[in-house]
Amino acid sequence: MPENSINVSILFENKNNVSPGLQERFQRLLKDYKTTLEHSHLDSSEIIILVAESRRWAVRALHQLRSNQRHFLKPVFLNFATPTDDFSALIDGFARPAESYQEFTTAFLPLVDLARELSRLSNISEHSTDVTFKEVLLLRFMLSRPAFQLFPERKISSSIGYSYPLANLLFNVNAGTEHSFLEELREANLLSVTLVDKVNLCPYCKHVQINFREVCPHCNSLKIREETTIHHFRCAYVSKETEYRQGHDLVCPKCAKVLRHIGVDYDKPSEVLWCEACNSNFSEPLLRCFCLNSGHIFPPEDTLLAEINEYKLSQEGRRAAQEGYLPSMGLMDIFKKQLGFYKNEVFQEFLRVEFLRCQRYKYSSTIATLSLLTAHQVLESELTTHTRQFREDFSAVLHSTFRSTDLFTDISSEKILILFSNTRAEAAQIAFERLHDELYQAFQVKIDLEYKTVDLAGAYENLESAWEQLNGIV
């Protein structure tokens, strides 16, 4: 692109009201940068200038631009009388109509550099889905604007109480839903985070609008109130004060005696909570959550705790943005996160102790290897494996297959070593067959798992002999 050649589109809220000074400014701009004024061919522009008279029009125009994949990355310059924070995440430059041409071009020049930087980016991978395409666009937006970070803004209509305006426009979802896409990028190490807040969400609909309320622990009624308790000494009757009250007198409802002197006829041992529905009393109410969105009732410990973060581009995210392709999260990464891998030296010590126990007591345990290479290749060719939904589905398969007593470590980038304690080799093979079936049920993809097993109770001189047999079989 020639030094001063740049395609610029100038969009006016009302072209008939543009002052002569602004008209002269843009005529000079078009001359200096050898551009043409584009009104209906935004696809050919590298920079878009909005000339707004009202905040409402500016917001609408910016929302339309940033929600359109073709224009999302383009530098946008706003010419408006009053700056506002509402525009800060959506524009790349700003000038007031009254500013001089020199002041205008000083603010405008960085957008020229930005447009040229964007023009040098390669095309986004043709294998991208609609979601992954938008995720790459978001990463490229952050790559081309190094100081840019995604800040959460409080929003009462958001499902999580916060929204990320730019991401929300790009993904075109209900406010708060874009958080899941950002977390997906964070989990793939493409975004780094700084914690801002933590919010409690309904476990059924993942909505933040939860009402915490106290109820009766016996019948769950909301009709509870604190009231003084009276103990009548003579007949030992204990009940709430309102039950004793008759006009100005206190009369025992059990024996009909008038209570005249506190400390002589009666005492007030405490103020307790009474339920008007079941007439029971208790010292502590039961705390329950009521979701105003889904209507579900659940205990506070069942709420989901979601982290609200600021996001910025990581080194891995920079690489993905430059290449125009999102890396898949490896199956090994999912295994490690969900099942917990021991360091190799720690695993070897567990294995040594287990081998000695099996040899002495003929106590069956199985050591096995599982290769992920074939599974990785098949899943990569058939599915989009970088999404959060895939990770959740694959994690569910792992948890339904393996036990909490099974131990894991990695012996290469594609091979796992598994110790099945108190398990015969035949039973371990059944576990792998179950894994095969669960993968098919979850993804409708047939995967021939590559695994080998060795029973540690076999006739081996030492652990090295068992290890050599396992490697020899493999």
Protein backbone atom coordinates (compact mmCIF):
# COMPACT_ATOMS: atom_id res chain seq x y z
CA MET A 1 0.00 0.00 0.00
CA PRO A 2 1.49 3.43 -0.93
CA GLU A 3 2.55 5.60 1.97
CA ASN A 4 -0.45 7.94 1.87
CA SER A 5 -2.96 5.60 0.25
CA ILE A 6 -5.70 4.47 2.57
CA ASN A 7 -9.37 3.72 1.98
CA VAL A 8 -11.62 5.78 4.24
CA SER A 9 -15.39 5.71 4.63
CA ILE A 10 -17.05 8.74 6.22
CA LEU A 11 -20.55 8.20 7.57
CA PHE A 12 -22.64 11.23 8.54
CA GLU A 13 -25.62 11.24 10.84
CA ASN A 14 -27.01 14.16 8.82
CA LYS A 15 -24.88 15.25 5.90
CA ASN A 16 -27.08 18.31 5.28
CA ASN A 17 -26.13 19.74 8.68
CA VAL A 18 -22.37 19.35 8.31
CA SER A 19 -20.67 22.69 8.77
CA PRO A 20 -18.45 24.19 6.04
CA GLY A 21 -15.48 23.75 8.36
CA LEU A 22 -16.07 19.99 8.68
CA GLN A 23 -16.63 19.67 4.94
CA GLU A 24 -13.30 21.38 4.31
CA ARG A 25 -11.60 19.12 6.86
CA PHE A 26 -12.76 15.92 5.17
CA GLN A 27 -12.03 17.24 1.67
CA ARG A 28 -8.49 17.92 2.80
CA LEU A 29 -8.28 14.51 4.46
CA LEU A 30 -9.37 12.75 1.29
CA LYS A 31 -6.84 14.73 -0.72
CA ASP A 32 -3.94 14.12 1.69
CA TYR A 33 -4.58 10.36 1.84
CA LYS A 34 -5.71 9.94 -1.77
CA THR A 35 -8.96 8.38 -0.70
CA THR A 36 -12.52 8.34 -1.97
CA LEU A 37 -15.58 9.08 0.09
CA GLU A 38 -17.40 5.79 0.66
CA HIS A 39 -21.06 5.76 1.69
CA SER A 40 -22.32 2.36 0.59
CA HIS A 41 -19.15 0.32 0.06
CA LEU A 42 -17.79 -0.14 3.55
CA ASP A 43 -16.27 -3.48 2.57
CA SER A 44 -13.55 -1.66 0.62
CA SER A 45 -12.62 0.68 3.48
CA GLU A 46 -9.78 0.28 5.94
CA ILE A 47 -10.87 3.15 8.22
CA ILE A 48 -14.38 4.27 9.10
CA ILE A 49 -15.11 7.81 10.31
CA LEU A 50 -18.42 8.48 12.05
CA VAL A 51 -19.64 12.09 12.11
CA ALA A 52 -22.27 12.10 14.84
CA GLU A 53 -24.59 14.79 16.12
CA SER A 54 -26.30 12.70 18.81
CA ARG A 55 -25.13 10.09 21.23
CA ARG A 56 -27.99 7.79 20.22
CA TRP A 57 -26.92 7.66 16.57
CA ALA A 58 -23.25 7.17 17.51
CA VAL A 59 -24.09 4.23 19.78
CA ARG A 60 -26.30 2.62 17.15
CA ALA A 61 -23.69 3.03 14.41
CA LEU A 62 -20.89 1.67 16.59
CA HIS A 63 -22.98 -1.32 17.63
CA GLN A 64 -23.78 -2.11 14.00
CA LEU A 65 -20.11 -1.93 13.01
CA ARG A 66 -18.71 -3.99 15.89
CA SER A 67 -21.41 -6.67 15.53
CA ASN A 68 -20.58 -7.14 11.84
CA GLN A 69 -17.76 -9.62 11.17
CA ARG A 70 -16.67 -7.75 8.02
CA HIS A 71 -16.18 -4.47 9.88
CA PHE A 72 -15.32 -5.68 13.38
CA LEU A 73 -11.55 -5.22 13.07
CA LYS A 74 -11.62 -1.96 11.14
CA PRO A 75 -10.32 1.18 12.87
CA VAL A 76 -13.23 3.45 13.76
CA PHE A 77 -12.81 7.20 14.31
CA LEU A 78 -15.59 9.18 16.00
CA ASN A 79 -16.18 12.86 15.31
CA PHE A 80 -18.52 13.99 18.08
CA ALA A 81 -18.94 17.01 20.32
CA THR A 82 -18.90 15.19 23.67
CA PRO A 83 -16.65 12.24 24.55
CA THR A 84 -18.20 9.50 26.65
CA ASP A 85 -17.00 6.30 28.28
CA ASP A 86 -19.75 4.43 26.40
CA PHE A 87 -17.58 4.67 23.28
CA SER A 88 -14.16 3.90 24.75
CA ALA A 89 -14.15 0.14 24.03
CA LEU A 90 -15.64 0.53 20.57
CA ILE A 91 -13.61 3.32 18.94
CA ASP A 92 -9.94 3.77 18.06
CA GLY A 93 -9.81 7.55 17.77
CA PHE A 94 -11.81 10.64 18.69
CA ALA A 95 -11.96 14.33 17.77
CA ARG A 96 -14.41 17.15 18.39
CA PRO A 97 -15.83 19.03 15.41
CA ALA A 98 -14.36 22.30 16.68
CA GLU A 99 -10.76 21.03 16.71
CA SER A 100 -8.30 22.19 14.09
CA TYR A 101 -7.26 20.05 11.15
CA GLN A 102 -3.85 19.55 12.74
CA GLU A 103 -5.42 18.31 15.97
CA PHE A 104 -7.70 16.08 13.94
CA THR A 105 -4.88 14.47 11.94
CA THR A 106 -2.80 13.95 15.11
CA ALA A 107 -5.65 11.85 16.48
CA PHE A 108 -6.29 10.21 13.10
CA LEU A 109 -2.74 9.12 12.17
CA PRO A 110 -2.57 6.15 14.61
CA LEU A 111 -5.56 4.65 12.79
CA VAL A 112 -3.60 4.71 9.53
CA ASP A 113 -0.83 2.65 11.16
CA LEU A 114 -3.46 0.33 12.63
CA ALA A 115 -5.11 -0.19 9.24
CA ARG A 116 -1.79 -1.08 7.65
CA GLU A 117 -0.99 -3.53 10.45
CA LEU A 118 -4.36 -5.24 9.99
CA SER A 119 -3.82 -5.50 6.23
CA ARG A 120 -0.71 -7.59 6.83
CA LEU A 121 -2.55 -10.31 8.78
CA SER A 122 -3.13 -13.61 7.02
CA ASN A 123 -6.58 -15.00 6.31
CA ILE A 124 -8.38 -16.83 9.09
CA SER A 125 -8.36 -20.61 8.70
CA GLU A 126 -11.03 -21.88 6.35
CA HIS A 127 -11.74 -24.71 8.81
CA SER A 128 -13.02 -22.27 11.42
CA THR A 129 -16.60 -22.53 12.61
CA ASP A 130 -18.69 -19.40 13.10
CA VAL A 131 -17.74 -19.29 16.79
CA THR A 132 -14.02 -19.95 16.27
CA PHE A 133 -13.96 -17.34 13.49
CA LYS A 134 -15.34 -14.77 15.91
CA GLU A 135 -12.90 -15.86 18.62
CA VAL A 136 -9.99 -15.32 16.24
CA LEU A 137 -11.43 -11.91 15.32
CA LEU A 138 -11.50 -10.99 19.02
CA LEU A 139 -7.90 -12.12 19.49
CA ARG A 140 -6.87 -10.11 16.43
CA PHE A 141 -8.65 -7.03 17.75
CA MET A 142 -6.59 -7.32 20.93
CA LEU A 143 -3.40 -8.11 18.99
CA SER A 144 -3.70 -5.02 16.83
CA ARG A 145 -4.48 -2.81 19.84
CA PRO A 146 -1.79 -3.81 22.38
CA ALA A 147 -3.13 -1.65 25.20
CA PHE A 148 -6.65 -3.01 24.86
CA GLN A 149 -8.13 -5.17 27.61
CA LEU A 150 -11.62 -6.57 28.02
CA PHE A 151 -13.05 -4.96 31.15
CA PRO A 152 -16.29 -6.17 32.74
CA GLU A 153 -19.03 -3.58 33.13
CA ARG A 154 -21.82 -3.97 35.67
CA LYS A 155 -25.12 -4.59 33.91
CA ILE A 156 -28.31 -5.47 35.71
CA SER A 157 -29.81 -7.24 32.69
CA SER A 158 -26.80 -9.54 32.34
CA SER A 159 -27.17 -13.16 33.45
CA ILE A 160 -23.92 -12.83 35.45
CA GLY A 161 -24.36 -9.20 36.50
CA TYR A 162 -21.53 -8.07 34.21
CA SER A 163 -21.05 -7.64 30.50
CA TYR A 164 -18.14 -7.21 28.08
CA PRO A 165 -19.60 -4.82 25.46
CA LEU A 166 -17.22 -5.52 22.58
CA ALA A 167 -17.37 -9.32 22.97
CA ASN A 168 -21.14 -9.16 23.47
CA LEU A 169 -21.60 -7.35 20.17
CA LEU A 170 -19.27 -9.69 18.29
CA PHE A 171 -20.85 -12.93 19.53
CA ASN A 172 -24.37 -11.44 19.32
CA VAL A 173 -25.64 -13.15 22.47
CA ASN A 174 -27.63 -12.15 25.54
CA ALA A 175 -25.64 -9.99 27.94
CA GLY A 176 -23.38 -12.15 30.12
CA THR A 177 -23.36 -15.15 27.77
CA GLU A 178 -20.17 -13.88 26.13
CA HIS A 179 -18.41 -14.67 29.42
CA SER A 180 -18.41 -18.38 28.51
CA PHE A 181 -16.56 -17.67 25.24
CA LEU A 182 -13.96 -15.59 27.07
CA GLU A 183 -13.50 -18.31 29.68
CA GLU A 184 -13.09 -20.81 26.86
CA LEU A 185 -10.22 -18.73 25.47
CA ARG A 186 -8.73 -18.39 28.96
CA GLU A 187 -8.86 -22.16 29.52
CA ALA A 188 -7.02 -22.58 26.22
CA ASN A 189 -4.32 -20.19 27.59
CA LEU A 190 -5.10 -17.65 24.85
CA LEU A 191 -6.15 -14.97 27.34
CA SER A 192 -4.63 -14.09 30.70
CA VAL A 193 -6.79 -12.70 33.49
CA THR A 194 -6.93 -10.40 36.48
CA LEU A 195 -9.68 -11.20 38.98
CA VAL A 196 -12.29 -8.44 39.44
CA ASP A 197 -15.19 -10.12 41.25
CA LYS A 198 -16.84 -13.43 42.12
CA VAL A 199 -20.57 -13.95 41.68
CA ASN A 200 -22.96 -16.67 42.83
CA LEU A 201 -25.00 -18.24 40.04
CA CYS A 202 -28.04 -20.51 40.01
CA PRO A 203 -26.88 -24.09 39.34
CA TYR A 204 -29.89 -24.67 37.07
CA CYS A 205 -29.84 -21.62 34.77
CA LYS A 206 -26.49 -20.00 35.67
CA HIS A 207 -28.18 -16.69 36.43
CA VAL A 208 -27.00 -14.21 39.05
CA GLN A 209 -30.41 -13.07 40.27
CA ILE A 210 -30.60 -15.14 43.43
CA ASN A 211 -32.61 -14.16 46.49
CA PHE A 212 -31.17 -15.46 49.77
CA ARG A 213 -33.95 -15.95 52.29
CA GLU A 214 -34.52 -17.46 55.74
CA VAL A 215 -37.14 -20.20 56.10
CA CYS A 216 -38.46 -22.53 58.77
CA PRO A 217 -36.18 -25.60 59.09
CA HIS A 218 -39.24 -27.81 59.71
CA CYS A 219 -41.63 -26.83 56.91
CA ASN A 220 -39.64 -24.35 54.77
CA SER A 221 -42.22 -21.63 55.33
CA LEU A 222 -41.23 -17.99 54.94
CA LYS A 223 -43.64 -17.01 57.72
CA ILE A 224 -41.15 -16.82 60.55
CA ARG A 225 -40.62 -14.05 63.08
CA GLU A 226 -38.64 -13.47 66.21
CA GLU A 227 -40.69 -13.41 69.42
CA THR A 228 -40.15 -13.51 73.17
CA THR A 229 -40.67 -16.89 74.84
CA ILE A 230 -42.44 -17.11 78.23
CA HIS A 231 -41.96 -19.94 80.74
CA HIS A 232 -44.76 -20.28 83.33
CA PHE A 233 -43.22 -21.68 86.52
CA ARG A 234 -46.37 -23.18 88.02
CA CYS A 235 -47.41 -25.46 85.13
CA ALA A 236 -44.11 -25.41 83.21
CA TYR A 237 -45.82 -24.28 80.01
CA VAL A 238 -43.52 -22.61 77.47
CA SER A 239 -44.80 -20.67 74.51
CA LYS A 240 -44.51 -17.33 72.68
CA GLU A 241 -45.65 -14.12 74.38
CA THR A 242 -48.50 -13.45 71.94
CA GLU A 243 -50.13 -16.71 73.06
CA TYR A 244 -50.09 -15.51 76.69
CA ARG A 245 -51.24 -11.98 75.88
CA GLN A 246 -54.87 -11.12 76.66
CA GLY A 247 -55.33 -7.37 76.48
CA HIS A 248 -52.90 -5.88 79.00
CA ASP A 249 -52.57 -9.12 80.96
CA LEU A 250 -50.49 -12.24 80.55
CA VAL A 251 -52.64 -15.36 81.02
CA CYS A 252 -51.33 -18.89 80.78
CA PRO A 253 -53.17 -20.67 77.95
CA LYS A 254 -52.63 -24.02 79.68
CA CYS A 255 -53.83 -23.40 83.26
CA ALA A 256 -55.55 -19.98 82.83
CA LYS A 257 -53.55 -18.39 85.68
CA VAL A 258 -52.67 -14.70 85.43
CA LEU A 259 -48.93 -14.05 85.34
CA ARG A 260 -48.19 -10.95 87.43
CA HIS A 261 -44.52 -10.85 88.40
CA ILE A 262 -41.58 -11.75 86.20
CA GLY A 263 -39.10 -13.84 88.12
CA VAL A 264 -41.87 -15.01 90.51
CA ASP A 265 -44.65 -16.30 88.23
CA TYR A 266 -42.68 -16.59 85.00
CA ASP A 267 -39.51 -15.72 83.19
CA LYS A 268 -38.47 -14.90 79.64
CA PRO A 269 -35.64 -17.30 78.86
CA SER A 270 -34.95 -16.10 75.32
CA GLU A 271 -36.17 -14.61 72.10
CA VAL A 272 -36.55 -17.37 69.54
CA LEU A 273 -37.91 -17.71 66.03
CA TRP A 274 -41.42 -19.01 65.60
CA CYS A 275 -43.03 -20.38 62.44
CA GLU A 276 -46.57 -19.21 61.87
CA ALA A 277 -47.23 -22.09 59.48
CA CYS A 278 -46.31 -25.08 61.67
CA ASN A 279 -46.01 -23.29 65.06
CA SER A 280 -42.55 -24.72 65.72
CA ASN A 281 -39.77 -22.70 67.30
CA PHE A 282 -36.04 -22.70 66.62
CA SER A 283 -32.97 -20.63 67.31
CA GLU A 284 -31.55 -20.53 63.77
CA PRO A 285 -33.53 -20.35 60.53
CA LEU A 286 -32.61 -22.31 57.43
CA LEU A 287 -30.99 -20.29 54.65
CA ARG A 288 -32.26 -21.07 51.17
CA CYS A 289 -31.66 -19.57 47.72
CA PHE A 290 -34.51 -18.72 45.35
CA CYS A 291 -33.57 -18.04 41.72
CA LEU A 292 -35.65 -15.17 40.40
CA ASN A 293 -34.95 -16.33 36.84
CA SER A 294 -35.65 -20.10 36.92
CA GLY A 295 -37.75 -20.32 40.10
CA HIS A 296 -35.61 -23.11 41.58
CA ILE A 297 -34.94 -23.33 45.32
CA PHE A 298 -31.62 -24.73 46.53
CA PRO A 299 -29.17 -24.51 49.45
CA PRO A 300 -26.43 -21.84 49.29
CA GLU A 301 -23.70 -24.48 48.99
CA ASP A 302 -25.14 -25.53 45.62
CA THR A 303 -24.60 -22.12 44.01
CA LEU A 304 -22.01 -21.89 41.25
CA LEU A 305 -19.19 -19.46 41.91
CA ALA A 306 -18.11 -17.68 38.74
CA GLU A 307 -15.04 -15.49 38.44
CA ILE A 308 -15.39 -12.14 36.70
CA ASN A 309 -12.07 -11.15 35.15
CA GLU A 310 -10.29 -8.58 33.10
CA TYR A 311 -8.84 -10.26 30.01
CA LYS A 312 -5.73 -9.48 28.04
CA LEU A 313 -3.95 -11.31 25.26
CA SER A 314 -1.44 -13.98 26.29
CA GLN A 315 1.63 -15.01 24.32
CA GLU A 316 -0.21 -18.08 23.04
CA GLY A 317 -3.12 -15.81 22.11
CA ARG A 318 -0.81 -13.56 20.10
CA ARG A 319 0.42 -16.56 18.16
CA ALA A 320 -3.12 -17.78 17.47
CA ALA A 321 -4.18 -14.31 16.33
CA GLN A 322 -1.23 -14.01 13.97
CA GLU A 323 -1.77 -17.48 12.50
CA GLY A 324 -5.55 -17.07 12.27
CA TYR A 325 -6.16 -20.47 13.82
CA LEU A 326 -7.18 -21.58 17.32
CA PRO A 327 -5.10 -24.43 18.73
CA SER A 328 -7.06 -27.39 19.99
CA MET A 329 -6.77 -28.31 23.65
CA GLY A 330 -4.92 -31.62 23.66
CA LEU A 331 -6.51 -34.73 25.07
CA MET A 332 -3.53 -35.03 27.38
CA ASP A 333 -4.35 -31.61 28.82
CA ILE A 334 -7.91 -32.70 29.54
CA PHE A 335 -6.68 -35.94 31.18
CA LYS A 336 -4.29 -33.99 33.39
CA LYS A 337 -6.85 -31.39 34.41
CA GLN A 338 -9.66 -33.81 35.15
CA LEU A 339 -7.85 -36.82 36.62
CA GLY A 340 -4.78 -35.25 38.17
CA PHE A 341 -1.40 -36.59 37.09
CA TYR A 342 1.42 -37.45 39.46
CA LYS A 343 4.93 -36.36 38.73
CA ASN A 344 6.80 -39.22 37.15
CA GLU A 345 9.12 -39.81 40.09
CA VAL A 346 6.20 -39.85 42.57
CA PHE A 347 4.26 -42.27 40.37
CA GLN A 348 7.30 -44.57 40.14
CA GLU A 349 7.49 -44.75 43.94
CA PHE A 350 3.79 -45.67 44.17
CA LEU A 351 4.40 -48.28 41.50
CA ARG A 352 7.41 -49.73 43.33
CA VAL A 353 5.46 -50.14 46.59
CA GLU A 354 2.46 -51.62 44.76
CA PHE A 355 4.69 -54.10 42.92
CA LEU A 356 6.28 -55.32 46.17
CA ARG A 357 2.86 -55.75 47.78
CA CYS A 358 1.49 -57.66 44.79
CA GLN A 359 4.52 -59.94 44.66
CA ARG A 360 4.42 -60.77 48.36
CA TYR A 361 0.68 -61.21 48.86
CA LYS A 362 -0.29 -62.11 45.27
CA TYR A 363 -2.47 -59.06 45.43
CA SER A 364 -3.61 -58.25 41.87
CA SER A 365 -2.94 -54.77 40.51
CA THR A 366 -2.47 -53.76 36.89
CA ILE A 367 -0.10 -51.37 35.17
CA ALA A 368 -1.27 -50.16 31.76
CA THR A 369 -0.30 -47.81 28.97
CA LEU A 370 -2.84 -45.83 26.93
CA SER A 371 -1.85 -44.10 23.69
CA LEU A 372 -3.85 -40.99 22.78
CA LEU A 373 -2.38 -40.56 19.30
CA THR A 374 -5.13 -42.38 17.38
CA ALA A 375 -7.91 -40.86 19.48
CA HIS A 376 -6.44 -37.40 18.96
CA GLN A 377 -6.20 -37.85 15.19
CA VAL A 378 -9.73 -39.22 14.84
CA LEU A 379 -11.35 -36.58 17.04
CA GLU A 380 -9.41 -33.77 15.35
CA SER A 381 -10.57 -34.89 11.93
CA GLU A 382 -14.21 -35.38 12.95
CA LEU A 383 -14.93 -32.77 15.63
CA THR A 384 -14.18 -29.26 16.81
CA THR A 385 -12.14 -30.14 19.86
CA HIS A 386 -11.20 -26.75 21.25
CA THR A 387 -14.65 -25.83 22.57
CA ARG A 388 -15.72 -25.85 26.19
CA GLN A 389 -18.59 -28.22 25.33
CA PHE A 390 -16.13 -30.79 23.96
CA ARG A 391 -13.98 -30.53 27.08
CA GLU A 392 -17.02 -30.95 29.32
CA ASP A 393 -18.24 -33.97 27.35
CA PHE A 394 -14.81 -35.59 27.25
CA SER A 395 -14.30 -34.92 30.97
CA ALA A 396 -17.64 -36.58 31.75
CA VAL A 397 -16.48 -39.68 29.84
CA LEU A 398 -13.26 -39.83 31.86
CA HIS A 399 -15.06 -39.53 35.20
CA SER A 400 -17.49 -42.28 34.27
CA THR A 401 -14.64 -44.60 33.22
CA PHE A 402 -11.88 -44.27 35.80
CA ARG A 403 -11.95 -44.50 39.59
CA SER A 404 -10.56 -42.04 42.12
CA THR A 405 -8.08 -44.75 43.21
CA ASP A 406 -6.53 -45.05 39.74
CA LEU A 407 -3.16 -43.28 39.41
CA PHE A 408 -1.89 -41.51 36.29
CA THR A 409 1.31 -40.06 34.86
CA ASP A 410 2.48 -39.20 31.36
CA ILE A 411 5.44 -40.95 29.75
CA SER A 412 5.32 -38.97 26.49
CA SER A 413 3.23 -36.27 24.86
CA GLU A 414 0.75 -38.90 23.65
CA LYS A 415 1.07 -41.81 26.09
CA ILE A 416 -0.30 -42.28 29.61
CA LEU A 417 0.77 -44.74 32.30
CA ILE A 418 -2.05 -45.92 34.57
CA LEU A 419 -1.89 -47.92 37.80
CA PHE A 420 -5.13 -49.80 38.57
CA SER A 421 -4.77 -50.85 42.21
CA ASN A 422 -6.49 -54.04 43.38
CA THR A 423 -7.57 -54.71 39.80
CA ARG A 424 -6.88 -57.69 37.59
CA ALA A 425 -5.73 -57.10 34.03
CA GLU A 426 -9.05 -58.41 32.72
CA ALA A 427 -10.94 -55.81 34.74
CA ALA A 428 -8.61 -53.05 33.48
CA GLN A 429 -9.33 -54.15 29.92
CA ILE A 430 -13.05 -53.86 30.66
CA ALA A 431 -12.42 -50.27 31.77
CA PHE A 432 -10.78 -49.50 28.42
CA GLU A 433 -13.66 -51.13 26.58
CA ARG A 434 -16.05 -48.99 28.58
CA LEU A 435 -13.99 -45.92 27.64
CA HIS A 436 -14.31 -46.91 23.99
CA ASP A 437 -18.10 -47.25 24.29
CA GLU A 438 -18.50 -44.00 26.25
CA LEU A 439 -16.51 -42.06 23.63
CA TYR A 440 -18.72 -43.41 20.90
CA GLN A 441 -21.89 -42.56 22.83
CA ALA A 442 -20.65 -39.02 23.52
CA PHE A 443 -19.27 -38.14 20.08
CA GLN A 444 -20.64 -40.77 17.67
CA VAL A 445 -17.06 -41.36 16.50
CA LYS A 446 -15.44 -44.81 16.50
CA ILE A 447 -11.97 -44.80 18.06
CA ASP A 448 -9.73 -47.86 18.26
CA LEU A 449 -7.95 -47.32 21.57
CA GLU A 450 -4.35 -48.44 21.82
CA TYR A 451 -3.65 -49.87 25.27
CA LYS A 452 -1.62 -52.66 26.92
CA THR A 453 -1.82 -54.17 30.41
CA VAL A 454 0.46 -56.15 32.72
CA ASP A 455 -0.60 -57.84 35.99
CA LEU A 456 1.89 -56.89 38.74
CA ALA A 457 1.18 -60.16 40.57
CA GLY A 458 2.79 -62.12 37.73
CA ALA A 459 6.06 -64.05 38.01
CA TYR A 460 8.59 -61.23 37.75
CA GLU A 461 12.01 -61.08 39.35
CA ASN A 462 11.74 -57.35 39.84
CA LEU A 463 9.80 -54.29 38.74
CA GLU A 464 12.17 -53.73 35.82
CA SER A 465 11.15 -57.11 34.39
CA ALA A 466 7.46 -56.14 34.50
CA TRP A 467 8.32 -52.79 32.95
CA GLU A 468 10.31 -54.45 30.16
CA GLN A 469 7.41 -56.76 29.38
CA LEU A 470 5.03 -53.84 29.19
CA ASN A 471 7.37 -51.93 26.88
CA GLY A 472 8.11 -55.05 24.89
CA ILE A 473 4.43 -55.62 24.28
CA VAL A 474 3.96 -52.04 23.27
